[in-house]
Amino acid sequence: MRLCNMAGKLIHPMQVRRGGVRNINAALCDLRDLIDCYSVTKRKGCLLALDFKSAFNTLRHDFLFAVLERRGFSREAVKIFRTVMESAKSRVVINGAMTGFFPIERSVRQGCPMSAVLFAVALCPLVTTLCSRLEGLTLSAGSLAVSCYADDVVVTLRSLEESRIFGKVMENFSKISGLELNERKTKVMLFNDFNPCLPYDVVEHIKILGVVFTKKPQDMCEQNWPVIVNSLKGVLSENSARQLNLMQRVWFLKTYGLSKLWYTAQIIPVPRKYSEEIRKVAYRFIWGGCT
């Protein structure tokens, strides 16, 4: 498939949905609601959590530059990216001896501020093609085909035909971009005995962007909150012996303790038993057992 066949409007690397682009919290809430909906209905479908092999290390530079030009980046900007990336060289130690320098023709540098954005732009052809060819699973306000944040990509399928379309699009994209799926780490969550005939492991729960999603919505709390509460306990226990005054303890609790809760709490509400446990741990840290 030629690059022009995978063209499309530049999409922000969060979530693509028929109703528009979503931020990360809204994207995860949509996945939660979708799983909830399909777990109580008889509609069939599946959710794919994709994992790319050495994602940042295998992206082809020629493909990246072609996508940048296709997506409307100026010649000056593309020239700067070329200069930075094509001038990169490396050498390795083999049996104690250093090799000569060789050019790096793949990868975006991990840790570089622009790498995540460049990788997201490189995924745009895949995302836009899947969105144009897949209906995805249905939500109340539309349908969800692809959810994407950096290299964390989730695809939903509703039929065998869509499974075949996904396989073909992914195969063509891998050939031109250098990005291949890791079949051992790519996971599938099935709804209502749907069989997509894909070579990936079928699982009952999937971790997406730090949140564990399960086929049964009522199990999501038990998969997420015990881990978070234990992490909070660990942080507060390690710092409980520090010589801090009252205001410093409150500040520490808000900044380093309760910050662990807010991200997940926006997706999965805190059950009462865990909120009471959090309250006790927080009071104990602030007051040190004093009345």
C-alpha atoms as a PDB file:
ATOM      1  CA  MET A   1       0.000   0.000   0.000  1.00  0.00           C
ATOM      2  CA  ARG A   2       1.437   3.346  -0.979  1.00  0.00           C
ATOM      3  CA  LEU A   3       1.675   6.114   1.561  1.00  0.00           C
ATOM      4  CA  CYS A   4      -0.885   8.233  -0.287  1.00  0.00           C
ATOM      5  CA  ASN A   5      -3.450   5.477   0.212  1.00  0.00           C
ATOM      6  CA  MET A   6      -3.023   5.881   3.971  1.00  0.00           C
ATOM      7  CA  ALA A   7      -3.514   9.641   3.904  1.00  0.00           C
ATOM      8  CA  GLY A   8      -5.880  11.494   6.157  1.00  0.00           C
ATOM      9  CA  LYS A   9      -6.317  14.564   8.296  1.00  0.00           C
ATOM     10  CA  LEU A  10      -3.792  14.999  11.104  1.00  0.00           C
ATOM     11  CA  ILE A  11      -5.302  13.679  14.308  1.00  0.00           C
ATOM     12  CA  HIS A  12      -4.148  14.469  17.818  1.00  0.00           C
ATOM     13  CA  PRO A  13      -2.598  11.327  19.388  1.00  0.00           C
ATOM     14  CA  MET A  14      -5.252  10.730  22.031  1.00  0.00           C
ATOM     15  CA  GLN A  15      -8.394   9.057  20.869  1.00  0.00           C
ATOM     16  CA  VAL A  16     -10.262   8.907  17.597  1.00  0.00           C
ATOM     17  CA  ARG A  17     -13.988   8.484  17.783  1.00  0.00           C
ATOM     18  CA  ARG A  18     -16.902   9.224  15.497  1.00  0.00           C
ATOM     19  CA  GLY A  19     -17.830  12.071  17.839  1.00  0.00           C
ATOM     20  CA  GLY A  20     -14.376  13.674  17.660  1.00  0.00           C
ATOM     21  CA  VAL A  21     -10.979  13.664  19.355  1.00  0.00           C
ATOM     22  CA  ARG A  22     -10.937  12.968  23.114  1.00  0.00           C
ATOM     23  CA  ASN A  23      -8.447  13.646  25.891  1.00  0.00           C
ATOM     24  CA  ILE A  24      -6.858  10.821  27.868  1.00  0.00           C
ATOM     25  CA  ASN A  25      -9.412  10.726  30.699  1.00  0.00           C
ATOM     26  CA  ALA A  26     -12.384  10.832  28.351  1.00  0.00           C
ATOM     27  CA  ALA A  27     -10.739   8.131  26.232  1.00  0.00           C
ATOM     28  CA  LEU A  28     -10.384   5.788  29.201  1.00  0.00           C
ATOM     29  CA  CYS A  29     -13.935   6.532  30.340  1.00  0.00           C
ATOM     30  CA  ASP A  30     -15.165   5.598  26.861  1.00  0.00           C
ATOM     31  CA  LEU A  31     -13.328   2.267  27.085  1.00  0.00           C
ATOM     32  CA  ARG A  32     -14.850   1.656  30.525  1.00  0.00           C
ATOM     33  CA  ASP A  33     -18.351   2.431  29.261  1.00  0.00           C
ATOM     34  CA  LEU A  34     -17.850   0.308  26.166  1.00  0.00           C
ATOM     35  CA  ILE A  35     -16.808  -2.732  28.223  1.00  0.00           C
ATOM     36  CA  ASP A  36     -19.738  -2.145  30.569  1.00  0.00           C
ATOM     37  CA  CYS A  37     -22.163  -1.962  27.643  1.00  0.00           C
ATOM     38  CA  TYR A  38     -20.922  -5.085  25.855  1.00  0.00           C
ATOM     39  CA  SER A  39     -20.701  -7.112  29.061  1.00  0.00           C
ATOM     40  CA  VAL A  40     -24.463  -6.799  29.646  1.00  0.00           C
ATOM     41  CA  THR A  41     -25.682  -7.055  26.031  1.00  0.00           C
ATOM     42  CA  LYS A  42     -25.542  -9.867  23.499  1.00  0.00           C
ATOM     43  CA  ARG A  43     -23.652  -7.878  20.909  1.00  0.00           C
ATOM     44  CA  LYS A  44     -20.394  -9.424  19.757  1.00  0.00           C
ATOM     45  CA  GLY A  45     -17.063  -7.745  19.315  1.00  0.00           C
ATOM     46  CA  CYS A  46     -13.542  -7.526  20.670  1.00  0.00           C
ATOM     47  CA  LEU A  47     -11.026  -5.058  22.012  1.00  0.00           C
ATOM     48  CA  LEU A  48      -7.387  -5.251  20.866  1.00  0.00           C
ATOM     49  CA  ALA A  49      -4.562  -3.746  22.930  1.00  0.00           C
ATOM     50  CA  LEU A  50      -1.659  -3.478  20.473  1.00  0.00           C
ATOM     51  CA  ASP A  51       1.989  -3.794  21.441  1.00  0.00           C
ATOM     52  CA  PHE A  52       4.692  -2.830  18.944  1.00  0.00           C
ATOM     53  CA  LYS A  53       8.036  -4.628  18.912  1.00  0.00           C
ATOM     54  CA  SER A  54      10.690  -2.208  20.178  1.00  0.00           C
ATOM     55  CA  ALA A  55       8.382   0.559  19.007  1.00  0.00           C
ATOM     56  CA  PHE A  56      10.621   3.611  19.231  1.00  0.00           C
ATOM     57  CA  ASN A  57      13.649   1.689  17.921  1.00  0.00           C
ATOM     58  CA  THR A  58      12.174   0.290  14.696  1.00  0.00           C
ATOM     59  CA  LEU A  59      10.496   3.281  13.063  1.00  0.00           C
ATOM     60  CA  ARG A  60      12.000   3.899   9.606  1.00  0.00           C
ATOM     61  CA  HIS A  61      13.322   7.411   9.036  1.00  0.00           C
ATOM     62  CA  ASP A  62      12.315   7.556   5.359  1.00  0.00           C
ATOM     63  CA  PHE A  63       8.739   6.701   6.328  1.00  0.00           C
ATOM     64  CA  LEU A  64       8.702   9.318   9.106  1.00  0.00           C
ATOM     65  CA  PHE A  65       9.964  12.076   6.785  1.00  0.00           C
ATOM     66  CA  ALA A  66       7.397  11.103   4.129  1.00  0.00           C
ATOM     67  CA  VAL A  67       4.600  11.318   6.701  1.00  0.00           C
ATOM     68  CA  LEU A  68       5.825  14.707   7.961  1.00  0.00           C
ATOM     69  CA  GLU A  69       5.763  16.083   4.412  1.00  0.00           C
ATOM     70  CA  ARG A  70       2.368  14.530   3.734  1.00  0.00           C
ATOM     71  CA  ARG A  71       0.909  15.987   6.929  1.00  0.00           C
ATOM     72  CA  GLY A  72       1.783  19.543   5.970  1.00  0.00           C
ATOM     73  CA  PHE A  73       5.001  20.184   7.905  1.00  0.00           C
ATOM     74  CA  SER A  74       7.069  22.888   6.234  1.00  0.00           C
ATOM     75  CA  ARG A  75      10.175  22.008   4.251  1.00  0.00           C
ATOM     76  CA  GLU A  76      12.272  23.872   6.788  1.00  0.00           C
ATOM     77  CA  ALA A  77      10.865  21.805   9.662  1.00  0.00           C
ATOM     78  CA  VAL A  78      11.381  18.520   7.828  1.00  0.00           C
ATOM     79  CA  LYS A  79      14.914  19.606   6.934  1.00  0.00           C
ATOM     80  CA  ILE A  80      15.668  20.236  10.607  1.00  0.00           C
ATOM     81  CA  PHE A  81      14.338  16.785  11.560  1.00  0.00           C
ATOM     82  CA  ARG A  82      16.424  15.218   8.789  1.00  0.00           C
ATOM     83  CA  THR A  83      19.552  17.014   9.964  1.00  0.00           C
ATOM     84  CA  VAL A  84      19.057  15.951  13.572  1.00  0.00           C
ATOM     85  CA  MET A  85      18.184  12.321  12.813  1.00  0.00           C
ATOM     86  CA  GLU A  86      20.248  11.490   9.730  1.00  0.00           C
ATOM     87  CA  SER A  87      23.434  12.872  11.277  1.00  0.00           C
ATOM     88  CA  ALA A  88      23.111  10.446  14.207  1.00  0.00           C
ATOM     89  CA  LYS A  89      25.723   7.686  14.327  1.00  0.00           C
ATOM     90  CA  SER A  90      26.574   4.980  16.814  1.00  0.00           C
ATOM     91  CA  ARG A  91      29.192   2.350  17.636  1.00  0.00           C
ATOM     92  CA  VAL A  92      29.125  -0.752  19.814  1.00  0.00           C
ATOM     93  CA  VAL A  93      31.533  -2.852  21.844  1.00  0.00           C
ATOM     94  CA  ILE A  94      31.992  -6.440  20.592  1.00  0.00           C
ATOM     95  CA  ASN A  95      34.264  -8.755  22.599  1.00  0.00           C
ATOM     96  CA  GLY A  96      35.894  -5.750  24.214  1.00  0.00           C
ATOM     97  CA  ALA A  97      36.657  -3.970  20.945  1.00  0.00           C
ATOM     98  CA  MET A  98      34.885  -0.833  19.702  1.00  0.00           C
ATOM     99  CA  THR A  99      33.452  -0.946  16.190  1.00  0.00           C
ATOM    100  CA  GLY A 100      33.558   1.923  13.745  1.00  0.00           C
ATOM    101  CA  PHE A 101      30.714   4.403  13.473  1.00  0.00           C
ATOM    102  CA  PHE A 102      27.611   3.399  11.501  1.00  0.00           C
ATOM    103  CA  PRO A 103      24.565   5.492  10.592  1.00  0.00           C
ATOM    104  CA  ILE A 104      21.268   5.057  12.437  1.00  0.00           C
ATOM    105  CA  GLU A 105      18.500   4.664   9.856  1.00  0.00           C
ATOM    106  CA  ARG A 106      15.712   3.719  12.243  1.00  0.00           C
ATOM    107  CA  SER A 107      14.235   4.814  15.578  1.00  0.00           C
ATOM    108  CA  VAL A 108      13.390   8.020  17.362  1.00  0.00           C
ATOM    109  CA  ARG A 109      15.586   8.693  20.379  1.00  0.00           C
ATOM    110  CA  GLN A 110      14.003   7.695  23.663  1.00  0.00           C
ATOM    111  CA  GLY A 111      14.178  10.554  26.131  1.00  0.00           C
ATOM    112  CA  CYS A 112      14.268  13.211  23.426  1.00  0.00           C
ATOM    113  CA  PRO A 113      11.410  15.736  23.941  1.00  0.00           C
ATOM    114  CA  MET A 114      10.310  15.551  20.308  1.00  0.00           C
ATOM    115  CA  SER A 115      10.364  11.739  20.004  1.00  0.00           C
ATOM    116  CA  ALA A 116       6.890  11.090  21.422  1.00  0.00           C
ATOM    117  CA  VAL A 117       5.330  13.664  19.084  1.00  0.00           C
ATOM    118  CA  LEU A 118       7.212  12.325  16.043  1.00  0.00           C
ATOM    119  CA  PHE A 119       6.138   8.783  16.875  1.00  0.00           C
ATOM    120  CA  ALA A 120       2.521   9.895  17.256  1.00  0.00           C
ATOM    121  CA  VAL A 121       2.668  11.612  13.849  1.00  0.00           C
ATOM    122  CA  ALA A 122       4.124   8.425  12.327  1.00  0.00           C
ATOM    123  CA  LEU A 123       1.136   6.462  13.680  1.00  0.00           C
ATOM    124  CA  CYS A 124      -1.376   8.853  12.086  1.00  0.00           C
ATOM    125  CA  PRO A 125      -1.549   6.957   8.762  1.00  0.00           C
ATOM    126  CA  LEU A 126      -2.397   3.757  10.637  1.00  0.00           C
ATOM    127  CA  VAL A 127      -4.972   5.451  12.864  1.00  0.00           C
ATOM    128  CA  THR A 128      -6.705   7.362  10.082  1.00  0.00           C
ATOM    129  CA  THR A 129      -6.825   4.301   7.827  1.00  0.00           C
ATOM    130  CA  LEU A 130      -8.331   2.109  10.541  1.00  0.00           C
ATOM    131  CA  CYS A 131     -10.860   4.824  11.424  1.00  0.00           C
ATOM    132  CA  SER A 132     -11.941   5.159   7.808  1.00  0.00           C
ATOM    133  CA  ARG A 133     -12.346   1.410   7.294  1.00  0.00           C
ATOM    134  CA  LEU A 134     -13.617   0.159  10.653  1.00  0.00           C
ATOM    135  CA  GLU A 135     -16.950   0.886  12.295  1.00  0.00           C
ATOM    136  CA  GLY A 136     -15.687  -0.204  15.703  1.00  0.00           C
ATOM    137  CA  LEU A 137     -17.889  -0.880  18.712  1.00  0.00           C
ATOM    138  CA  THR A 138     -20.935   1.242  19.443  1.00  0.00           C
ATOM    139  CA  LEU A 139     -21.283   3.758  22.263  1.00  0.00           C
ATOM    140  CA  SER A 140     -24.293   5.900  23.107  1.00  0.00           C
ATOM    141  CA  ALA A 141     -22.776   8.963  21.419  1.00  0.00           C
ATOM    142  CA  GLY A 142     -21.283   7.180  18.423  1.00  0.00           C
ATOM    143  CA  SER A 143     -18.759   4.419  17.868  1.00  0.00           C
ATOM    144  CA  LEU A 144     -15.186   3.849  18.996  1.00  0.00           C
ATOM    145  CA  ALA A 145     -12.762   2.459  16.412  1.00  0.00           C
ATOM    146  CA  VAL A 146      -9.305   3.439  17.695  1.00  0.00           C
ATOM    147  CA  SER A 147      -7.913   4.808  20.943  1.00  0.00           C
ATOM    148  CA  CYS A 148      -4.308   5.970  20.696  1.00  0.00           C
ATOM    149  CA  TYR A 149      -1.777   7.624  22.990  1.00  0.00           C
ATOM    150  CA  ALA A 150       1.902   7.441  21.903  1.00  0.00           C
ATOM    151  CA  ASP A 151       2.544   3.724  21.263  1.00  0.00           C
ATOM    152  CA  ASP A 152      -0.414   2.612  23.413  1.00  0.00           C
ATOM    153  CA  VAL A 153      -3.036   1.750  20.764  1.00  0.00           C
ATOM    154  CA  VAL A 154      -6.426   0.096  21.275  1.00  0.00           C
ATOM    155  CA  VAL A 155      -8.573  -1.087  18.337  1.00  0.00           C
ATOM    156  CA  THR A 156     -12.143  -2.406  18.483  1.00  0.00           C
ATOM    157  CA  LEU A 157     -13.647  -4.858  15.992  1.00  0.00           C
ATOM    158  CA  ARG A 158     -17.246  -5.925  15.508  1.00  0.00           C
ATOM    159  CA  SER A 159     -17.061  -8.628  12.792  1.00  0.00           C
ATOM    160  CA  LEU A 160     -14.817 -11.148  11.057  1.00  0.00           C
ATOM    161  CA  GLU A 161     -14.657  -8.833   8.072  1.00  0.00           C
ATOM    162  CA  GLU A 162     -13.246  -6.075  10.265  1.00  0.00           C
ATOM    163  CA  SER A 163     -10.704  -8.569  11.640  1.00  0.00           C
ATOM    164  CA  ARG A 164      -9.516  -9.253   8.098  1.00  0.00           C
ATOM    165  CA  ILE A 165      -9.383  -5.536   7.321  1.00  0.00           C
ATOM    166  CA  PHE A 166      -7.331  -4.894  10.467  1.00  0.00           C
ATOM    167  CA  GLY A 167      -4.888  -7.697   9.599  1.00  0.00           C
ATOM    168  CA  LYS A 168      -4.341  -6.387   6.080  1.00  0.00           C
ATOM    169  CA  VAL A 169      -3.953  -2.738   7.114  1.00  0.00           C
ATOM    170  CA  MET A 170      -1.517  -3.724   9.866  1.00  0.00           C
ATOM    171  CA  GLU A 171       0.526  -5.867   7.476  1.00  0.00           C
ATOM    172  CA  ASN A 172       0.821  -3.043   4.925  1.00  0.00           C
ATOM    173  CA  PHE A 173       1.654  -0.486   7.601  1.00  0.00           C
ATOM    174  CA  SER A 174       4.392  -2.727   9.029  1.00  0.00           C
ATOM    175  CA  LYS A 175       6.021  -3.062   5.596  1.00  0.00           C
ATOM    176  CA  ILE A 176       6.308   0.651   4.969  1.00  0.00           C
ATOM    177  CA  SER A 177       6.947   1.902   8.523  1.00  0.00           C
ATOM    178  CA  GLY A 178       9.097  -0.825  10.090  1.00  0.00           C
ATOM    179  CA  LEU A 179       6.708  -1.070  13.067  1.00  0.00           C
ATOM    180  CA  GLU A 180       5.579  -4.636  13.740  1.00  0.00           C
ATOM    181  CA  LEU A 181       3.211  -6.027  16.343  1.00  0.00           C
ATOM    182  CA  ASN A 182       4.544  -8.179  19.150  1.00  0.00           C
ATOM    183  CA  GLU A 183       2.124 -11.106  18.947  1.00  0.00           C
ATOM    184  CA  ARG A 184       3.002 -12.343  22.450  1.00  0.00           C
ATOM    185  CA  LYS A 185       2.179  -9.016  24.089  1.00  0.00           C
ATOM    186  CA  THR A 186      -0.767  -7.922  21.938  1.00  0.00           C
ATOM    187  CA  LYS A 187      -3.931  -8.873  23.853  1.00  0.00           C
ATOM    188  CA  VAL A 188      -7.554  -9.480  22.884  1.00  0.00           C
ATOM    189  CA  MET A 189     -10.632  -9.111  25.081  1.00  0.00           C
ATOM    190  CA  LEU A 190     -13.647 -10.889  23.575  1.00  0.00           C
ATOM    191  CA  PHE A 191     -17.309 -10.068  24.122  1.00  0.00           C
ATOM    192  CA  ASN A 192     -20.072 -12.687  23.873  1.00  0.00           C
ATOM    193  CA  ASP A 193     -18.121 -15.550  22.272  1.00  0.00           C
ATOM    194  CA  PHE A 194     -16.857 -13.478  19.375  1.00  0.00           C
ATOM    195  CA  ASN A 195     -13.956 -15.135  17.539  1.00  0.00           C
ATOM    196  CA  PRO A 196     -11.905 -12.677  15.464  1.00  0.00           C
ATOM    197  CA  CYS A 197      -9.443 -15.369  14.252  1.00  0.00           C
ATOM    198  CA  LEU A 198      -6.400 -13.303  15.205  1.00  0.00           C
ATOM    199  CA  PRO A 199      -3.087 -14.779  16.480  1.00  0.00           C
ATOM    200  CA  TYR A 200      -3.093 -12.974  19.846  1.00  0.00           C
ATOM    201  CA  ASP A 201      -3.662 -14.079  23.438  1.00  0.00           C
ATOM    202  CA  VAL A 202      -7.243 -13.865  24.699  1.00  0.00           C
ATOM    203  CA  VAL A 203      -7.391 -12.341  28.196  1.00  0.00           C
ATOM    204  CA  GLU A 204      -9.954 -11.425  30.838  1.00  0.00           C
ATOM    205  CA  HIS A 205      -8.288  -8.132  31.754  1.00  0.00           C
ATOM    206  CA  ILE A 206      -6.084  -5.614  29.953  1.00  0.00           C
ATOM    207  CA  LYS A 207      -3.917  -2.813  31.333  1.00  0.00           C
ATOM    208  CA  ILE A 208      -4.310   0.348  29.258  1.00  0.00           C
ATOM    209  CA  LEU A 209      -2.466   3.551  30.158  1.00  0.00           C
ATOM    210  CA  GLY A 210      -1.995   2.393  33.741  1.00  0.00           C
ATOM    211  CA  VAL A 211      -5.617   1.340  34.336  1.00  0.00           C
ATOM    212  CA  VAL A 212      -6.684  -2.327  34.431  1.00  0.00           C
ATOM    213  CA  PHE A 213      -9.892  -3.029  32.524  1.00  0.00           C
ATOM    214  CA  THR A 214     -11.761  -6.305  33.047  1.00  0.00           C
ATOM    215  CA  LYS A 215     -14.587  -8.004  31.157  1.00  0.00           C
ATOM    216  CA  LYS A 216     -16.762  -7.664  34.265  1.00  0.00           C
ATOM    217  CA  PRO A 217     -17.022  -3.979  35.237  1.00  0.00           C
ATOM    218  CA  GLN A 218     -17.549  -4.848  38.909  1.00  0.00           C
ATOM    219  CA  ASP A 219     -14.075  -6.446  38.976  1.00  0.00           C
ATOM    220  CA  MET A 220     -12.283  -3.272  37.872  1.00  0.00           C
ATOM    221  CA  CYS A 221     -12.282  -1.848  41.411  1.00  0.00           C
ATOM    222  CA  GLU A 222     -10.590  -4.944  42.867  1.00  0.00           C
ATOM    223  CA  GLN A 223      -8.014  -4.967  40.077  1.00  0.00           C
ATOM    224  CA  ASN A 224      -7.024  -1.321  40.563  1.00  0.00           C
ATOM    225  CA  TRP A 225      -7.706   0.089  44.017  1.00  0.00           C
ATOM    226  CA  PRO A 226      -5.850  -2.389  46.280  1.00  0.00           C
ATOM    227  CA  VAL A 227      -2.644  -1.663  44.335  1.00  0.00           C
ATOM    228  CA  ILE A 228      -3.146   2.107  44.591  1.00  0.00           C
ATOM    229  CA  VAL A 229      -3.970   2.026  48.313  1.00  0.00           C
ATOM    230  CA  ASN A 230      -0.902  -0.123  49.035  1.00  0.00           C
ATOM    231  CA  SER A 231       1.243   2.301  47.064  1.00  0.00           C
ATOM    232  CA  LEU A 232      -0.149   5.203  49.112  1.00  0.00           C
ATOM    233  CA  LYS A 233       0.527   3.324  52.344  1.00  0.00           C
ATOM    234  CA  GLY A 234       4.101   2.642  51.255  1.00  0.00           C
ATOM    235  CA  VAL A 235       4.845   6.293  50.441  1.00  0.00           C
ATOM    236  CA  LEU A 236       3.359   7.578  53.704  1.00  0.00           C
ATOM    237  CA  SER A 237       5.005   4.847  55.795  1.00  0.00           C
ATOM    238  CA  GLU A 238       8.443   5.626  54.365  1.00  0.00           C
ATOM    239  CA  ASN A 239       8.069   9.313  55.218  1.00  0.00           C
ATOM    240  CA  SER A 240       6.132   9.137  58.489  1.00  0.00           C
ATOM    241  CA  ALA A 241       9.307   9.374  60.600  1.00  0.00           C
ATOM    242  CA  ARG A 242      10.486  12.609  58.959  1.00  0.00           C
ATOM    243  CA  GLN A 243      10.579  15.730  61.129  1.00  0.00           C
ATOM    244  CA  LEU A 244       7.738  17.618  59.435  1.00  0.00           C
ATOM    245  CA  ASN A 245       5.360  20.138  60.935  1.00  0.00           C
ATOM    246  CA  LEU A 246       1.601  19.985  60.377  1.00  0.00           C
ATOM    247  CA  MET A 247       1.544  22.103  57.210  1.00  0.00           C
ATOM    248  CA  GLN A 248       4.451  20.188  55.709  1.00  0.00           C
ATOM    249  CA  ARG A 249       2.671  16.880  56.333  1.00  0.00           C
ATOM    250  CA  VAL A 250      -0.501  18.175  54.682  1.00  0.00           C
ATOM    251  CA  TRP A 251       1.512  19.466  51.719  1.00  0.00           C
ATOM    252  CA  PHE A 252       3.380  16.156  51.380  1.00  0.00           C
ATOM    253  CA  LEU A 253       0.138  14.164  51.548  1.00  0.00           C
ATOM    254  CA  LYS A 254      -1.504  16.255  48.832  1.00  0.00           C
ATOM    255  CA  THR A 255       1.530  16.367  46.541  1.00  0.00           C
ATOM    256  CA  TYR A 256       3.087  12.914  46.820  1.00  0.00           C
ATOM    257  CA  GLY A 257       0.330  10.823  48.382  1.00  0.00           C
ATOM    258  CA  LEU A 258      -3.131  11.681  47.135  1.00  0.00           C
ATOM    259  CA  SER A 259      -1.793  12.479  43.655  1.00  0.00           C
ATOM    260  CA  LYS A 260      -1.603   8.706  43.193  1.00  0.00           C
ATOM    261  CA  LEU A 261      -5.400   8.528  43.431  1.00  0.00           C
ATOM    262  CA  TRP A 262      -6.731  11.245  41.135  1.00  0.00           C
ATOM    263  CA  TYR A 263      -5.864   9.690  37.785  1.00  0.00           C
ATOM    264  CA  THR A 264      -7.625   6.386  38.439  1.00  0.00           C
ATOM    265  CA  ALA A 265     -10.434   8.000  40.455  1.00  0.00           C
ATOM    266  CA  GLN A 266     -11.536   9.889  37.334  1.00  0.00           C
ATOM    267  CA  ILE A 267     -12.054   6.549  35.561  1.00  0.00           C
ATOM    268  CA  ILE A 268     -13.092   4.190  38.355  1.00  0.00           C
ATOM    269  CA  PRO A 269     -14.779   5.681  41.465  1.00  0.00           C
ATOM    270  CA  VAL A 270     -13.228   4.789  44.817  1.00  0.00           C
ATOM    271  CA  PRO A 271     -15.309   2.107  46.625  1.00  0.00           C
ATOM    272  CA  ARG A 272     -16.374   3.015  50.139  1.00  0.00           C
ATOM    273  CA  LYS A 273     -14.171   0.451  51.874  1.00  0.00           C
ATOM    274  CA  TYR A 274     -11.073   1.833  50.151  1.00  0.00           C
ATOM    275  CA  SER A 275     -12.025   5.482  50.710  1.00  0.00           C
ATOM    276  CA  GLU A 276     -12.319   4.756  54.446  1.00  0.00           C
ATOM    277  CA  GLU A 277      -8.926   3.052  54.408  1.00  0.00           C
ATOM    278  CA  ILE A 278      -7.399   6.022  52.578  1.00  0.00           C
ATOM    279  CA  ARG A 279      -8.947   8.390  55.125  1.00  0.00           C
ATOM    280  CA  LYS A 280      -7.473   6.455  58.068  1.00  0.00           C
ATOM    281  CA  VAL A 281      -4.021   6.260  56.503  1.00  0.00           C
ATOM    282  CA  ALA A 282      -4.064   9.997  55.688  1.00  0.00           C
ATOM    283  CA  TYR A 283      -5.186  11.008  59.205  1.00  0.00           C
ATOM    284  CA  ARG A 284      -2.579   8.755  60.791  1.00  0.00           C
ATOM    285  CA  PHE A 285       0.168  10.362  58.655  1.00  0.00           C
ATOM    286  CA  ILE A 286      -0.966  13.931  59.415  1.00  0.00           C
ATOM    287  CA  TRP A 287      -1.580  13.588  63.133  1.00  0.00           C
ATOM    288  CA  GLY A 288       0.802  10.770  64.025  1.00  0.00           C
ATOM    289  CA  GLY A 289      -1.747   9.145  66.316  1.00  0.00           C
ATOM    290  CA  CYS A 290      -2.417  12.352  68.273  1.00  0.00           C
ATOM    291  CA  THR A 291      -5.938  13.614  68.872  1.00  0.00           C
END
